[in-house]
Amino acid sequence: MIKNNIKKKLILLLVLTVVISLCACGKKSQDSDLAYVKSNGKLIIGYTDYAPMNYTDEEGNFTGFDTELARIVCDKLGLEPEFVEINWDTKEVELNAKSIDCIWNGLTIDEKRKREMEITKPYVKNAQVVIVKKGTAYDGTASLIDKTVTAEQGSAGEDAIKDDENLSKADFVPKTLQTEALMEVKANTVDAAVLDLTLAKTMTGPGTSYEDVEIVDHLAEEDYGIAFRKGSDICAKVNEILDDLVKDGTMAELADKYGLELS
């Protein structure tokens, strides 16, 4: 009888050990963002229409620096990239709700975003620039006091306007996309826009649809990063892959193709 009790206790102990082990493994898997996306077999990438980072070309192909880079990185992660167009102003909400797994779309790194999201090391340089219609009298941001200035809502451009002593005194017109802000300048419905240099360089100047729009000022210098959910272990893995792509020349080749400067 004593031997049977001992045997039962040993079996119970073994079962409890297995259960605890499975629970621990389940928790570990649940806490791992990388394990989560691998279980789905894909990485859902949030983006906005923003040349030269993510955009559809004249032949109808979805392309861009970030688009190509994301596909390369996903291949190395063993995941399928799924691109989902988002509202930039609610990007953090979508990320935390798991509607998307990352924001890969020329995201400016700043202290607030670093507190709220897990962001890779800088990989592309950028700046905020002021653009106006050609022929517009511009003598620094002071010339835009009490004028109408636009930028993408929730963007670094909007932050630059708020942070500038003169631009903060302008009438701010928020837009959903940077391209919409650019169109407002062309249509003369606003006096100026603050946009990413990367987009402004690509979409204005000779041979573009915005030959009559020009860059007249550079504001804050900045860097782009790729954002994941806070605490996500995907970020460290992507950093490793980006380092490898820098070493083998892939990043430089892509930057040259799209006229960008690496960080």
C-alpha atoms as a PDB file:
ATOM      1  CA  MET A   1       0.000   0.000   0.000  1.00  0.00           C
ATOM      2  CA  ILE A   2       2.852   2.363   0.873  1.00  0.00           C
ATOM      3  CA  LYS A   3       4.583   1.520  -2.407  1.00  0.00           C
ATOM      4  CA  ASN A   4       1.389   2.319  -4.352  1.00  0.00           C
ATOM      5  CA  ASN A   5       1.101   5.707  -2.627  1.00  0.00           C
ATOM      6  CA  ILE A   6       4.717   6.504  -3.429  1.00  0.00           C
ATOM      7  CA  LYS A   7       4.137   5.451  -7.030  1.00  0.00           C
ATOM      8  CA  LYS A   8       1.039   7.651  -7.278  1.00  0.00           C
ATOM      9  CA  LYS A   9       2.911  10.614  -5.825  1.00  0.00           C
ATOM     10  CA  LEU A  10       5.745  10.136  -8.312  1.00  0.00           C
ATOM     11  CA  ILE A  11       3.291   9.998 -11.222  1.00  0.00           C
ATOM     12  CA  LEU A  12       1.515  13.123  -9.926  1.00  0.00           C
ATOM     13  CA  LEU A  13       4.849  14.915  -9.562  1.00  0.00           C
ATOM     14  CA  LEU A  14       5.797  13.955 -13.122  1.00  0.00           C
ATOM     15  CA  VAL A  15       2.475  15.212 -14.485  1.00  0.00           C
ATOM     16  CA  LEU A  16       2.822  18.511 -12.602  1.00  0.00           C
ATOM     17  CA  THR A  17       6.360  18.932 -13.937  1.00  0.00           C
ATOM     18  CA  VAL A  18       5.148  18.418 -17.519  1.00  0.00           C
ATOM     19  CA  VAL A  19       2.238  20.843 -17.039  1.00  0.00           C
ATOM     20  CA  ILE A  20       4.495  23.532 -15.551  1.00  0.00           C
ATOM     21  CA  SER A  21       6.981  23.041 -18.367  1.00  0.00           C
ATOM     22  CA  LEU A  22       4.281  23.358 -21.018  1.00  0.00           C
ATOM     23  CA  CYS A  23       2.890  26.473 -19.357  1.00  0.00           C
ATOM     24  CA  ALA A  24       6.352  28.023 -19.264  1.00  0.00           C
ATOM     25  CA  CYS A  25       6.907  27.227 -22.935  1.00  0.00           C
ATOM     26  CA  GLY A  26       3.504  28.620 -23.797  1.00  0.00           C
ATOM     27  CA  LYS A  27       4.229  31.841 -21.916  1.00  0.00           C
ATOM     28  CA  LYS A  28       7.618  32.161 -23.586  1.00  0.00           C
ATOM     29  CA  SER A  29       6.024  31.715 -27.002  1.00  0.00           C
ATOM     30  CA  GLN A  30       3.290  34.192 -26.099  1.00  0.00           C
ATOM     31  CA  ASP A  31       5.801  36.794 -24.921  1.00  0.00           C
ATOM     32  CA  SER A  32       7.913  36.444 -28.067  1.00  0.00           C
ATOM     33  CA  ASP A  33       6.768  38.741 -30.847  1.00  0.00           C
ATOM     34  CA  LEU A  34       9.019  36.859 -33.255  1.00  0.00           C
ATOM     35  CA  ALA A  35       7.341  33.576 -32.330  1.00  0.00           C
ATOM     36  CA  TYR A  36       3.962  35.262 -32.829  1.00  0.00           C
ATOM     37  CA  VAL A  37       4.684  36.425 -36.388  1.00  0.00           C
ATOM     38  CA  LYS A  38       6.353  33.122 -37.259  1.00  0.00           C
ATOM     39  CA  SER A  39       3.223  31.295 -36.127  1.00  0.00           C
ATOM     40  CA  ASN A  40       1.308  33.466 -38.603  1.00  0.00           C
ATOM     41  CA  GLY A  41       3.933  32.906 -41.297  1.00  0.00           C
ATOM     42  CA  LYS A  42       3.968  36.576 -42.237  1.00  0.00           C
ATOM     43  CA  LEU A  43       4.999  40.066 -41.159  1.00  0.00           C
ATOM     44  CA  ILE A  44       2.215  42.636 -41.572  1.00  0.00           C
ATOM     45  CA  ILE A  45       3.883  45.888 -42.573  1.00  0.00           C
ATOM     46  CA  GLY A  46       2.124  49.227 -42.077  1.00  0.00           C
ATOM     47  CA  TYR A  47       2.875  51.892 -44.687  1.00  0.00           C
ATOM     48  CA  THR A  48       1.576  55.024 -46.390  1.00  0.00           C
ATOM     49  CA  ASP A  49       1.986  56.011 -50.050  1.00  0.00           C
ATOM     50  CA  TYR A  50       5.337  57.741 -49.822  1.00  0.00           C
ATOM     51  CA  ALA A  51       7.917  57.827 -52.605  1.00  0.00           C
ATOM     52  CA  PRO A  52      10.709  56.795 -52.588  1.00  0.00           C
ATOM     53  CA  MET A  53      10.036  54.563 -49.555  1.00  0.00           C
ATOM     54  CA  ASN A  54       6.769  52.758 -50.396  1.00  0.00           C
ATOM     55  CA  TYR A  55       4.785  53.627 -53.522  1.00  0.00           C
ATOM     56  CA  THR A  56       3.234  52.358 -56.757  1.00  0.00           C
ATOM     57  CA  ASP A  57       5.248  53.232 -59.860  1.00  0.00           C
ATOM     58  CA  GLU A  58       3.922  54.302 -63.275  1.00  0.00           C
ATOM     59  CA  GLU A  59       3.707  50.663 -64.386  1.00  0.00           C
ATOM     60  CA  GLY A  60       1.535  49.748 -61.414  1.00  0.00           C
ATOM     61  CA  ASN A  61       4.257  47.961 -59.430  1.00  0.00           C
ATOM     62  CA  PHE A  62       4.376  48.422 -55.668  1.00  0.00           C
ATOM     63  CA  THR A  63       7.994  49.317 -54.942  1.00  0.00           C
ATOM     64  CA  GLY A  64      10.322  51.683 -53.069  1.00  0.00           C
ATOM     65  CA  PHE A  65      13.390  51.524 -50.849  1.00  0.00           C
ATOM     66  CA  ASP A  66      11.513  50.325 -47.756  1.00  0.00           C
ATOM     67  CA  THR A  67       9.355  47.977 -49.820  1.00  0.00           C
ATOM     68  CA  GLU A  68      12.370  46.244 -51.362  1.00  0.00           C
ATOM     69  CA  LEU A  69      14.292  46.195 -48.082  1.00  0.00           C
ATOM     70  CA  ALA A  70      11.323  44.724 -46.194  1.00  0.00           C
ATOM     71  CA  ARG A  71      10.997  41.924 -48.738  1.00  0.00           C
ATOM     72  CA  ILE A  72      14.691  41.067 -48.386  1.00  0.00           C
ATOM     73  CA  VAL A  73      14.547  41.084 -44.584  1.00  0.00           C
ATOM     74  CA  CYS A  74      11.338  39.026 -44.494  1.00  0.00           C
ATOM     75  CA  ASP A  75      12.948  36.434 -46.763  1.00  0.00           C
ATOM     76  CA  LYS A  76      15.814  36.113 -44.284  1.00  0.00           C
ATOM     77  CA  LEU A  77      13.320  35.803 -41.422  1.00  0.00           C
ATOM     78  CA  GLY A  78      11.427  33.086 -43.275  1.00  0.00           C
ATOM     79  CA  LEU A  79       8.284  35.237 -43.393  1.00  0.00           C
ATOM     80  CA  GLU A  80       5.976  36.537 -46.110  1.00  0.00           C
ATOM     81  CA  PRO A  81       5.661  40.342 -46.156  1.00  0.00           C
ATOM     82  CA  GLU A  82       2.099  41.660 -46.177  1.00  0.00           C
ATOM     83  CA  PHE A  83       1.831  45.397 -46.842  1.00  0.00           C
ATOM     84  CA  VAL A  84      -1.163  47.196 -45.330  1.00  0.00           C
ATOM     85  CA  GLU A  85      -1.830  50.879 -45.983  1.00  0.00           C
ATOM     86  CA  ILE A  86      -2.505  52.744 -42.747  1.00  0.00           C
ATOM     87  CA  ASN A  87      -3.511  56.153 -41.461  1.00  0.00           C
ATOM     88  CA  TRP A  88      -0.220  57.655 -40.241  1.00  0.00           C
ATOM     89  CA  ASP A  89      -1.903  59.493 -37.399  1.00  0.00           C
ATOM     90  CA  THR A  90      -3.117  56.210 -35.819  1.00  0.00           C
ATOM     91  CA  LYS A  91      -0.051  54.067 -36.580  1.00  0.00           C
ATOM     92  CA  GLU A  92       0.774  53.338 -32.913  1.00  0.00           C
ATOM     93  CA  VAL A  93      -2.812  52.221 -32.244  1.00  0.00           C
ATOM     94  CA  GLU A  94      -2.707  49.804 -35.194  1.00  0.00           C
ATOM     95  CA  LEU A  95       0.641  48.445 -34.053  1.00  0.00           C
ATOM     96  CA  ASN A  96      -0.486  47.764 -30.490  1.00  0.00           C
ATOM     97  CA  ALA A  97      -3.779  46.275 -31.686  1.00  0.00           C
ATOM     98  CA  LYS A  98      -1.754  43.861 -33.863  1.00  0.00           C
ATOM     99  CA  SER A  99      -3.496  45.053 -37.024  1.00  0.00           C
ATOM    100  CA  ILE A 100       0.092  45.451 -38.201  1.00  0.00           C
ATOM    101  CA  ASP A 101       3.378  44.027 -36.888  1.00  0.00           C
ATOM    102  CA  CYS A 102       5.645  46.937 -37.764  1.00  0.00           C
ATOM    103  CA  ILE A 103       5.792  50.424 -39.279  1.00  0.00           C
ATOM    104  CA  TRP A 104       8.244  50.376 -42.177  1.00  0.00           C
ATOM    105  CA  ASN A 105       7.696  53.626 -44.002  1.00  0.00           C
ATOM    106  CA  GLY A 106      10.356  56.275 -43.435  1.00  0.00           C
ATOM    107  CA  LEU A 107       9.586  56.611 -39.736  1.00  0.00           C
ATOM    108  CA  THR A 108      11.530  59.415 -38.048  1.00  0.00           C
ATOM    109  CA  ILE A 109      13.224  58.328 -34.820  1.00  0.00           C
ATOM    110  CA  ASP A 110      12.510  60.609 -31.857  1.00  0.00           C
ATOM    111  CA  GLU A 111      12.489  60.231 -28.082  1.00  0.00           C
ATOM    112  CA  LYS A 112       8.705  59.968 -27.783  1.00  0.00           C
ATOM    113  CA  ARG A 113       8.514  57.190 -30.352  1.00  0.00           C
ATOM    114  CA  LYS A 114      11.416  55.350 -28.719  1.00  0.00           C
ATOM    115  CA  ARG A 115       9.455  55.349 -25.459  1.00  0.00           C
ATOM    116  CA  GLU A 116       6.325  54.002 -27.119  1.00  0.00           C
ATOM    117  CA  MET A 117       7.775  51.554 -29.664  1.00  0.00           C
ATOM    118  CA  GLU A 118      10.759  49.291 -30.234  1.00  0.00           C
ATOM    119  CA  ILE A 119      12.731  50.976 -33.023  1.00  0.00           C
ATOM    120  CA  THR A 120      15.721  49.684 -34.965  1.00  0.00           C
ATOM    121  CA  LYS A 121      19.004  51.519 -35.198  1.00  0.00           C
ATOM    122  CA  PRO A 122      18.984  54.395 -37.760  1.00  0.00           C
ATOM    123  CA  TYR A 123      19.307  53.211 -41.350  1.00  0.00           C
ATOM    124  CA  VAL A 124      18.507  56.212 -43.615  1.00  0.00           C
ATOM    125  CA  LYS A 125      19.167  59.938 -43.180  1.00  0.00           C
ATOM    126  CA  ASN A 126      16.450  62.527 -43.714  1.00  0.00           C
ATOM    127  CA  ALA A 127      15.466  66.125 -42.910  1.00  0.00           C
ATOM    128  CA  GLN A 128      12.316  68.200 -42.793  1.00  0.00           C
ATOM    129  CA  VAL A 129      12.135  70.781 -45.583  1.00  0.00           C
ATOM    130  CA  VAL A 130       9.918  73.718 -46.458  1.00  0.00           C
ATOM    131  CA  ILE A 131       8.449  73.690 -49.966  1.00  0.00           C
ATOM    132  CA  VAL A 132       6.616  76.502 -51.749  1.00  0.00           C
ATOM    133  CA  LYS A 133       5.297  77.289 -55.202  1.00  0.00           C
ATOM    134  CA  LYS A 134       8.040  78.732 -57.436  1.00  0.00           C
ATOM    135  CA  GLY A 135       7.957  82.514 -57.447  1.00  0.00           C
ATOM    136  CA  THR A 136       6.801  82.697 -53.833  1.00  0.00           C
ATOM    137  CA  ALA A 137       8.719  85.264 -51.773  1.00  0.00           C
ATOM    138  CA  TYR A 138      10.457  83.314 -49.009  1.00  0.00           C
ATOM    139  CA  ASP A 139      12.880  84.805 -46.505  1.00  0.00           C
ATOM    140  CA  GLY A 140      13.089  82.187 -43.783  1.00  0.00           C
ATOM    141  CA  THR A 141      10.258  80.748 -41.715  1.00  0.00           C
ATOM    142  CA  ALA A 142       9.412  84.239 -40.407  1.00  0.00           C
ATOM    143  CA  SER A 143       7.884  84.971 -43.801  1.00  0.00           C
ATOM    144  CA  LEU A 144       5.241  82.292 -43.099  1.00  0.00           C
ATOM    145  CA  ILE A 145       3.891  83.822 -39.874  1.00  0.00           C
ATOM    146  CA  ASP A 146       0.076  84.096 -40.214  1.00  0.00           C
ATOM    147  CA  LYS A 147       0.257  82.197 -43.535  1.00  0.00           C
ATOM    148  CA  THR A 148      -1.166  78.706 -44.175  1.00  0.00           C
ATOM    149  CA  VAL A 149       1.260  75.809 -43.756  1.00  0.00           C
ATOM    150  CA  THR A 150       0.463  72.129 -44.191  1.00  0.00           C
ATOM    151  CA  ALA A 151       2.016  68.780 -43.258  1.00  0.00           C
ATOM    152  CA  GLU A 152       0.959  65.189 -42.754  1.00  0.00           C
ATOM    153  CA  GLN A 153      -0.914  64.831 -39.482  1.00  0.00           C
ATOM    154  CA  GLY A 154       1.113  63.002 -36.832  1.00  0.00           C
ATOM    155  CA  SER A 155       4.323  63.356 -38.835  1.00  0.00           C
ATOM    156  CA  ALA A 156       7.757  64.775 -38.099  1.00  0.00           C
ATOM    157  CA  GLY A 157       6.734  67.619 -40.409  1.00  0.00           C
ATOM    158  CA  GLU A 158       3.915  68.581 -38.074  1.00  0.00           C
ATOM    159  CA  ASP A 159       6.336  68.397 -35.118  1.00  0.00           C
ATOM    160  CA  ALA A 160       8.791  70.658 -36.975  1.00  0.00           C
ATOM    161  CA  ILE A 161       6.040  73.224 -37.512  1.00  0.00           C
ATOM    162  CA  LYS A 162       5.055  73.160 -33.838  1.00  0.00           C
ATOM    163  CA  ASP A 163       8.687  73.402 -32.703  1.00  0.00           C
ATOM    164  CA  ASP A 164       9.623  76.318 -34.962  1.00  0.00           C
ATOM    165  CA  GLU A 165       9.138  79.735 -33.364  1.00  0.00           C
ATOM    166  CA  ASN A 166       7.783  81.208 -36.597  1.00  0.00           C
ATOM    167  CA  LEU A 167       5.940  78.262 -38.170  1.00  0.00           C
ATOM    168  CA  SER A 168       4.042  77.696 -34.932  1.00  0.00           C
ATOM    169  CA  LYS A 169       2.419  81.085 -35.599  1.00  0.00           C
ATOM    170  CA  ALA A 170       1.162  79.983 -39.018  1.00  0.00           C
ATOM    171  CA  ASP A 171      -2.300  78.582 -39.707  1.00  0.00           C
ATOM    172  CA  PHE A 172      -1.671  74.810 -39.710  1.00  0.00           C
ATOM    173  CA  VAL A 173      -3.654  72.653 -42.165  1.00  0.00           C
ATOM    174  CA  PRO A 174      -3.290  68.918 -41.357  1.00  0.00           C
ATOM    175  CA  LYS A 175      -3.417  66.413 -44.218  1.00  0.00           C
ATOM    176  CA  THR A 176      -3.707  62.633 -44.225  1.00  0.00           C
ATOM    177  CA  LEU A 177      -0.701  62.098 -46.525  1.00  0.00           C
ATOM    178  CA  GLN A 178       2.465  64.010 -47.392  1.00  0.00           C
ATOM    179  CA  THR A 179       1.493  63.758 -51.068  1.00  0.00           C
ATOM    180  CA  GLU A 180      -1.766  65.565 -50.252  1.00  0.00           C
ATOM    181  CA  ALA A 181       0.243  68.365 -48.617  1.00  0.00           C
ATOM    182  CA  LEU A 182       2.369  68.598 -51.757  1.00  0.00           C
ATOM    183  CA  MET A 183      -0.755  68.856 -53.913  1.00  0.00           C
ATOM    184  CA  GLU A 184      -2.054  71.716 -51.761  1.00  0.00           C
ATOM    185  CA  VAL A 185       1.109  73.715 -52.470  1.00  0.00           C
ATOM    186  CA  LYS A 186       0.845  73.069 -56.202  1.00  0.00           C
ATOM    187  CA  ALA A 187      -2.813  74.106 -56.171  1.00  0.00           C
ATOM    188  CA  ASN A 188      -1.954  77.352 -54.310  1.00  0.00           C
ATOM    189  CA  THR A 189      -4.449  76.469 -51.564  1.00  0.00           C
ATOM    190  CA  VAL A 190      -1.704  76.793 -48.918  1.00  0.00           C
ATOM    191  CA  ASP A 191       1.400  78.947 -48.772  1.00  0.00           C
ATOM    192  CA  ALA A 192       3.888  76.219 -47.848  1.00  0.00           C
ATOM    193  CA  ALA A 193       4.314  72.625 -46.701  1.00  0.00           C
ATOM    194  CA  VAL A 194       6.818  70.881 -44.460  1.00  0.00           C
ATOM    195  CA  LEU A 195       7.740  67.463 -45.849  1.00  0.00           C
ATOM    196  CA  ASP A 196      10.395  64.786 -45.624  1.00  0.00           C
ATOM    197  CA  LEU A 197      13.412  65.640 -47.762  1.00  0.00           C
ATOM    198  CA  THR A 198      13.390  62.113 -49.199  1.00  0.00           C
ATOM    199  CA  LEU A 199       9.880  62.581 -50.596  1.00  0.00           C
ATOM    200  CA  ALA A 200      10.394  66.201 -51.668  1.00  0.00           C
ATOM    201  CA  LYS A 201      13.579  65.350 -53.614  1.00  0.00           C
ATOM    202  CA  THR A 202      11.838  62.508 -55.426  1.00  0.00           C
ATOM    203  CA  MET A 203       8.587  64.262 -56.322  1.00  0.00           C
ATOM    204  CA  THR A 204       9.681  67.823 -57.185  1.00  0.00           C
ATOM    205  CA  GLY A 205      11.988  69.331 -59.792  1.00  0.00           C
ATOM    206  CA  PRO A 206      12.555  68.867 -63.545  1.00  0.00           C
ATOM    207  CA  GLY A 207      10.727  65.952 -65.124  1.00  0.00           C
ATOM    208  CA  THR A 208       8.227  65.542 -62.271  1.00  0.00           C
ATOM    209  CA  SER A 209       4.586  66.524 -61.924  1.00  0.00           C
ATOM    210  CA  TYR A 210       5.683  69.224 -59.484  1.00  0.00           C
ATOM    211  CA  GLU A 211       8.224  71.210 -61.513  1.00  0.00           C
ATOM    212  CA  ASP A 212       6.580  74.407 -60.254  1.00  0.00           C
ATOM    213  CA  VAL A 213       7.265  73.522 -56.588  1.00  0.00           C
ATOM    214  CA  GLU A 214      10.645  73.953 -54.910  1.00  0.00           C
ATOM    215  CA  ILE A 215      12.514  73.256 -51.675  1.00  0.00           C
ATOM    216  CA  VAL A 216      13.445  76.563 -50.025  1.00  0.00           C
ATOM    217  CA  ASP A 217      14.581  75.615 -46.521  1.00  0.00           C
ATOM    218  CA  HIS A 218      15.946  72.753 -44.430  1.00  0.00           C
ATOM    219  CA  LEU A 219      14.736  72.315 -40.864  1.00  0.00           C
ATOM    220  CA  ALA A 220      15.481  69.421 -38.499  1.00  0.00           C
ATOM    221  CA  GLU A 221      17.994  66.758 -39.548  1.00  0.00           C
ATOM    222  CA  GLU A 222      16.820  63.260 -38.612  1.00  0.00           C
ATOM    223  CA  ASP A 223      17.124  59.492 -39.122  1.00  0.00           C
ATOM    224  CA  TYR A 224      14.668  56.799 -40.120  1.00  0.00           C
ATOM    225  CA  GLY A 225      14.044  53.582 -38.197  1.00  0.00           C
ATOM    226  CA  ILE A 226      11.701  50.576 -38.383  1.00  0.00           C
ATOM    227  CA  ALA A 227       9.214  50.384 -35.507  1.00  0.00           C
ATOM    228  CA  PHE A 228       7.836  47.316 -33.732  1.00  0.00           C
ATOM    229  CA  ARG A 229       5.685  46.830 -30.656  1.00  0.00           C
ATOM    230  CA  LYS A 230       7.404  47.936 -27.428  1.00  0.00           C
ATOM    231  CA  GLY A 231       9.588  45.099 -26.152  1.00  0.00           C
ATOM    232  CA  SER A 232       9.366  43.164 -29.431  1.00  0.00           C
ATOM    233  CA  ASP A 233      12.232  40.716 -30.001  1.00  0.00           C
ATOM    234  CA  ILE A 234      11.804  41.096 -33.772  1.00  0.00           C
ATOM    235  CA  CYS A 235      13.665  44.409 -33.580  1.00  0.00           C
ATOM    236  CA  ALA A 236      16.998  42.919 -32.457  1.00  0.00           C
ATOM    237  CA  LYS A 237      16.779  40.250 -35.163  1.00  0.00           C
ATOM    238  CA  VAL A 238      16.103  42.855 -37.853  1.00  0.00           C
ATOM    239  CA  ASN A 239      19.052  44.924 -36.589  1.00  0.00           C
ATOM    240  CA  GLU A 240      21.310  41.887 -37.108  1.00  0.00           C
ATOM    241  CA  ILE A 241      20.014  41.434 -40.657  1.00  0.00           C
ATOM    242  CA  LEU A 242      20.447  45.133 -41.468  1.00  0.00           C
ATOM    243  CA  ASP A 243      24.073  44.934 -40.271  1.00  0.00           C
ATOM    244  CA  ASP A 244      24.654  42.007 -42.638  1.00  0.00           C
ATOM    245  CA  LEU A 245      23.029  43.904 -45.525  1.00  0.00           C
ATOM    246  CA  VAL A 246      25.316  46.874 -44.876  1.00  0.00           C
ATOM    247  CA  LYS A 247      28.381  44.618 -44.883  1.00  0.00           C
ATOM    248  CA  ASP A 248      27.479  42.838 -48.133  1.00  0.00           C
ATOM    249  CA  GLY A 249      26.651  46.112 -49.932  1.00  0.00           C
ATOM    250  CA  THR A 250      22.920  45.465 -50.386  1.00  0.00           C
ATOM    251  CA  MET A 251      21.903  48.574 -48.420  1.00  0.00           C
ATOM    252  CA  ALA A 252      24.269  50.832 -50.346  1.00  0.00           C
ATOM    253  CA  GLU A 253      22.984  49.466 -53.654  1.00  0.00           C
ATOM    254  CA  LEU A 254      19.372  50.146 -52.664  1.00  0.00           C
ATOM    255  CA  ALA A 255      20.234  53.626 -51.369  1.00  0.00           C
ATOM    256  CA  ASP A 256      21.924  54.495 -54.681  1.00  0.00           C
ATOM    257  CA  LYS A 257      18.919  53.203 -56.615  1.00  0.00           C
ATOM    258  CA  TYR A 258      16.509  55.482 -54.743  1.00  0.00           C
ATOM    259  CA  GLY A 259      18.821  58.485 -54.209  1.00  0.00           C
ATOM    260  CA  LEU A 260      19.053  58.087 -50.435  1.00  0.00           C
ATOM    261  CA  GLU A 261      21.847  58.446 -47.894  1.00  0.00           C
ATOM    262  CA  LEU A 262      22.395  55.726 -45.316  1.00  0.00           C
ATOM    263  CA  SER A 263      22.768  56.629 -41.649  1.00  0.00           C
END
